[in-house]
Amino acid sequence: MRHHISSGLPMEERIGYSRAVRVDSTLYVSGTAPVDTDGKVVGQDTYEQAQYAFEKVDAVLGQAGYTRADAVMVRIYLADGADFEQAMRAYSEAYGAAKPAIAVLNVLPFGLPGMLLEVELTAVRDDRGTERA
């Protein structure tokens, strides 16, 4: 079973992607930028931008019936590897307790001026009602 989750932004329809896609019990959250609905970057540094991006991811998780505890993989794409510690501080505060797998990648600068990172997440919910280990 495949279910598409939309944020309602026109770009999703124009480009042809979903904010997230759930297949069975797995939720794949698209790359999440620290950008508000007006297309403006939120946050002055990597830490603040990461906090905002994680808040946006949390909203998608909630919309789909998932929580931070369901996260199994987090990917953080940094425009500057020197910002690693700031990104890890925000990540640890948001998802450290869930202890998902993580990848941090240094990428070319993003197309939007001032954007320092993007976050991607995969979550799995155990729909069988069993306890998590």
C-alpha atoms as a PDB file:
ATOM      1  CA  MET A   1       0.000   0.000   0.000  1.00  0.00           C
ATOM      2  CA  ARG A   2       1.379   3.388  -1.025  1.00  0.00           C
ATOM      3  CA  HIS A   3       0.157   6.682   0.449  1.00  0.00           C
ATOM      4  CA  HIS A   4       1.377  10.144  -0.586  1.00  0.00           C
ATOM      5  CA  ILE A   5       1.563  12.952   1.970  1.00  0.00           C
ATOM      6  CA  SER A   6       1.565  16.546   0.757  1.00  0.00           C
ATOM      7  CA  SER A   7       2.416  19.824   2.440  1.00  0.00           C
ATOM      8  CA  GLY A   8       0.162  21.577  -0.065  1.00  0.00           C
ATOM      9  CA  LEU A   9       2.955  23.676  -1.566  1.00  0.00           C
ATOM     10  CA  PRO A  10       2.565  24.260  -5.322  1.00  0.00           C
ATOM     11  CA  MET A  11       6.133  23.076  -5.963  1.00  0.00           C
ATOM     12  CA  GLU A  12       5.157  19.487  -5.145  1.00  0.00           C
ATOM     13  CA  GLU A  13       2.655  19.369  -7.988  1.00  0.00           C
ATOM     14  CA  ARG A  14       4.819  21.414 -10.359  1.00  0.00           C
ATOM     15  CA  ILE A  15       7.903  19.224  -9.888  1.00  0.00           C
ATOM     16  CA  GLY A  16       6.104  15.952  -9.191  1.00  0.00           C
ATOM     17  CA  TYR A  17       7.098  14.823  -5.712  1.00  0.00           C
ATOM     18  CA  SER A  18       5.495  14.164  -2.339  1.00  0.00           C
ATOM     19  CA  ARG A  19       6.483  15.614   1.022  1.00  0.00           C
ATOM     20  CA  ALA A  20       6.533  12.023   2.197  1.00  0.00           C
ATOM     21  CA  VAL A  21       5.506   8.609   0.959  1.00  0.00           C
ATOM     22  CA  ARG A  22       4.356   5.765   3.171  1.00  0.00           C
ATOM     23  CA  VAL A  23       4.745   2.227   1.876  1.00  0.00           C
ATOM     24  CA  ASP A  24       3.342  -0.354   4.274  1.00  0.00           C
ATOM     25  CA  SER A  25       4.837   0.637   7.654  1.00  0.00           C
ATOM     26  CA  THR A  26       7.763   2.659   6.278  1.00  0.00           C
ATOM     27  CA  LEU A  27       7.637   6.436   5.846  1.00  0.00           C
ATOM     28  CA  TYR A  28      10.106   8.170   3.526  1.00  0.00           C
ATOM     29  CA  VAL A  29      10.337  11.919   4.178  1.00  0.00           C
ATOM     30  CA  SER A  30      11.690  14.000   1.298  1.00  0.00           C
ATOM     31  CA  GLY A  31      14.655  16.277   1.726  1.00  0.00           C
ATOM     32  CA  THR A  32      13.531  18.975   4.121  1.00  0.00           C
ATOM     33  CA  ALA A  33      14.995  22.441   3.810  1.00  0.00           C
ATOM     34  CA  PRO A  34      14.908  25.145   6.478  1.00  0.00           C
ATOM     35  CA  VAL A  35      12.581  27.192   4.290  1.00  0.00           C
ATOM     36  CA  ASP A  36       9.196  28.609   5.292  1.00  0.00           C
ATOM     37  CA  THR A  37       6.030  28.625   3.181  1.00  0.00           C
ATOM     38  CA  ASP A  38       7.084  31.971   1.668  1.00  0.00           C
ATOM     39  CA  GLY A  39      10.300  30.397   0.375  1.00  0.00           C
ATOM     40  CA  LYS A  40      12.527  32.206   2.871  1.00  0.00           C
ATOM     41  CA  VAL A  41      15.397  30.495   4.697  1.00  0.00           C
ATOM     42  CA  VAL A  42      14.757  30.282   8.446  1.00  0.00           C
ATOM     43  CA  GLY A  43      17.744  30.498  10.787  1.00  0.00           C
ATOM     44  CA  GLN A  44      20.975  32.451  10.831  1.00  0.00           C
ATOM     45  CA  ASP A  45      23.315  29.489  11.269  1.00  0.00           C
ATOM     46  CA  THR A  46      23.415  25.744  10.739  1.00  0.00           C
ATOM     47  CA  TYR A  47      22.143  24.978  14.251  1.00  0.00           C
ATOM     48  CA  GLU A  48      19.036  27.177  13.862  1.00  0.00           C
ATOM     49  CA  GLN A  49      18.386  25.915  10.333  1.00  0.00           C
ATOM     50  CA  ALA A  50      18.680  22.303  11.493  1.00  0.00           C
ATOM     51  CA  GLN A  51      16.267  22.944  14.366  1.00  0.00           C
ATOM     52  CA  TYR A  52      13.725  24.368  11.927  1.00  0.00           C
ATOM     53  CA  ALA A  53      14.188  21.517   9.434  1.00  0.00           C
ATOM     54  CA  PHE A  54      13.698  18.949  12.207  1.00  0.00           C
ATOM     55  CA  GLU A  55      10.513  20.750  13.310  1.00  0.00           C
ATOM     56  CA  LYS A  56       9.227  20.475   9.738  1.00  0.00           C
ATOM     57  CA  VAL A  57      10.102  16.766   9.664  1.00  0.00           C
ATOM     58  CA  ASP A  58       8.307  16.305  12.995  1.00  0.00           C
ATOM     59  CA  ALA A  59       5.167  17.862  11.501  1.00  0.00           C
ATOM     60  CA  VAL A  60       5.251  15.371   8.625  1.00  0.00           C
ATOM     61  CA  LEU A  61       5.808  12.489  11.032  1.00  0.00           C
ATOM     62  CA  GLY A  62       2.808  13.593  13.081  1.00  0.00           C
ATOM     63  CA  GLN A  63       0.630  14.034  10.000  1.00  0.00           C
ATOM     64  CA  ALA A  64       1.434  10.437   9.023  1.00  0.00           C
ATOM     65  CA  GLY A  65       0.928   9.027  12.546  1.00  0.00           C
ATOM     66  CA  TYR A  66       4.628   8.559  13.368  1.00  0.00           C
ATOM     67  CA  THR A  67       6.876   9.976  16.086  1.00  0.00           C
ATOM     68  CA  ARG A  68      10.573  10.700  16.475  1.00  0.00           C
ATOM     69  CA  ALA A  69      10.933   7.284  18.105  1.00  0.00           C
ATOM     70  CA  ASP A  70      10.031   5.682  14.761  1.00  0.00           C
ATOM     71  CA  ALA A  71      13.050   7.212  12.974  1.00  0.00           C
ATOM     72  CA  VAL A  72      15.433   4.573  11.620  1.00  0.00           C
ATOM     73  CA  MET A  73      17.602   6.678   9.279  1.00  0.00           C
ATOM     74  CA  VAL A  74      18.444  10.370   9.224  1.00  0.00           C
ATOM     75  CA  ARG A  75      20.533  11.975   6.504  1.00  0.00           C
ATOM     76  CA  ILE A  76      21.881  15.484   6.865  1.00  0.00           C
ATOM     77  CA  TYR A  77      23.283  17.218   3.807  1.00  0.00           C
ATOM     78  CA  LEU A  78      25.632  20.097   4.702  1.00  0.00           C
ATOM     79  CA  ALA A  79      26.790  22.827   2.351  1.00  0.00           C
ATOM     80  CA  ASP A  80      29.888  23.227   4.529  1.00  0.00           C
ATOM     81  CA  GLY A  81      31.419  20.334   6.436  1.00  0.00           C
ATOM     82  CA  ALA A  82      32.798  22.835   8.960  1.00  0.00           C
ATOM     83  CA  ASP A  83      29.219  23.140  10.280  1.00  0.00           C
ATOM     84  CA  PHE A  84      29.178  19.492  11.396  1.00  0.00           C
ATOM     85  CA  GLU A  85      29.145  20.242  15.151  1.00  0.00           C
ATOM     86  CA  GLN A  86      26.215  22.655  14.868  1.00  0.00           C
ATOM     87  CA  ALA A  87      24.224  20.134  12.858  1.00  0.00           C
ATOM     88  CA  MET A  88      25.039  17.345  15.328  1.00  0.00           C
ATOM     89  CA  ARG A  89      23.916  19.482  18.264  1.00  0.00           C
ATOM     90  CA  ALA A  90      20.495  20.037  16.685  1.00  0.00           C
ATOM     91  CA  TYR A  91      20.268  16.392  15.585  1.00  0.00           C
ATOM     92  CA  SER A  92      21.135  15.095  19.054  1.00  0.00           C
ATOM     93  CA  GLU A  93      18.503  17.295  20.674  1.00  0.00           C
ATOM     94  CA  ALA A  94      15.846  16.163  18.208  1.00  0.00           C
ATOM     95  CA  TYR A  95      16.616  12.504  17.471  1.00  0.00           C
ATOM     96  CA  GLY A  96      19.453  11.401  19.748  1.00  0.00           C
ATOM     97  CA  ALA A  97      17.115   9.504  22.087  1.00  0.00           C
ATOM     98  CA  ALA A  98      15.706   7.452  19.171  1.00  0.00           C
ATOM     99  CA  LYS A  99      19.242   6.482  18.061  1.00  0.00           C
ATOM    100  CA  PRO A 100      18.495   6.000  14.360  1.00  0.00           C
ATOM    101  CA  ALA A 101      21.204   5.320  11.836  1.00  0.00           C
ATOM    102  CA  ILE A 102      22.665   8.574  10.517  1.00  0.00           C
ATOM    103  CA  ALA A 103      24.646   9.847   7.574  1.00  0.00           C
ATOM    104  CA  VAL A 104      26.117  13.322   7.246  1.00  0.00           C
ATOM    105  CA  LEU A 105      27.202  14.334   3.779  1.00  0.00           C
ATOM    106  CA  ASN A 106      29.058  17.382   2.586  1.00  0.00           C
ATOM    107  CA  VAL A 107      27.485  18.552  -0.672  1.00  0.00           C
ATOM    108  CA  LEU A 108      27.862  21.460  -3.035  1.00  0.00           C
ATOM    109  CA  PRO A 109      26.181  24.694  -1.906  1.00  0.00           C
ATOM    110  CA  PHE A 110      22.410  24.662  -2.341  1.00  0.00           C
ATOM    111  CA  GLY A 111      20.668  26.742  -4.985  1.00  0.00           C
ATOM    112  CA  LEU A 112      18.912  28.953  -2.435  1.00  0.00           C
ATOM    113  CA  PRO A 113      21.220  31.636  -1.002  1.00  0.00           C
ATOM    114  CA  GLY A 114      21.772  31.231   2.728  1.00  0.00           C
ATOM    115  CA  MET A 115      20.550  27.622   2.866  1.00  0.00           C
ATOM    116  CA  LEU A 116      23.133  25.611   4.788  1.00  0.00           C
ATOM    117  CA  LEU A 117      21.578  22.145   5.016  1.00  0.00           C
ATOM    118  CA  GLU A 118      18.799  19.757   4.151  1.00  0.00           C
ATOM    119  CA  VAL A 119      17.461  16.831   6.180  1.00  0.00           C
ATOM    120  CA  GLU A 120      15.984  13.531   4.973  1.00  0.00           C
ATOM    121  CA  LEU A 121      14.422  10.872   7.199  1.00  0.00           C
ATOM    122  CA  THR A 122      13.087   7.330   7.032  1.00  0.00           C
ATOM    123  CA  ALA A 123      10.799   6.024   9.762  1.00  0.00           C
ATOM    124  CA  VAL A 124       9.288   2.609  10.417  1.00  0.00           C
ATOM    125  CA  ARG A 125       6.296   2.000  12.608  1.00  0.00           C
ATOM    126  CA  ASP A 126       5.643  -1.427  14.026  1.00  0.00           C
ATOM    127  CA  ASP A 127       1.962  -1.784  13.208  1.00  0.00           C
ATOM    128  CA  ARG A 128       1.773  -5.201  14.847  1.00  0.00           C
ATOM    129  CA  GLY A 129       1.472  -3.623  18.303  1.00  0.00           C
ATOM    130  CA  THR A 130       4.660  -5.164  19.645  1.00  0.00           C
ATOM    131  CA  GLU A 131       6.937  -3.275  21.981  1.00  0.00           C
ATOM    132  CA  ARG A 132      10.055  -1.613  20.688  1.00  0.00           C
ATOM    133  CA  ALA A 133      13.359  -3.008  21.917  1.00  0.00           C
END
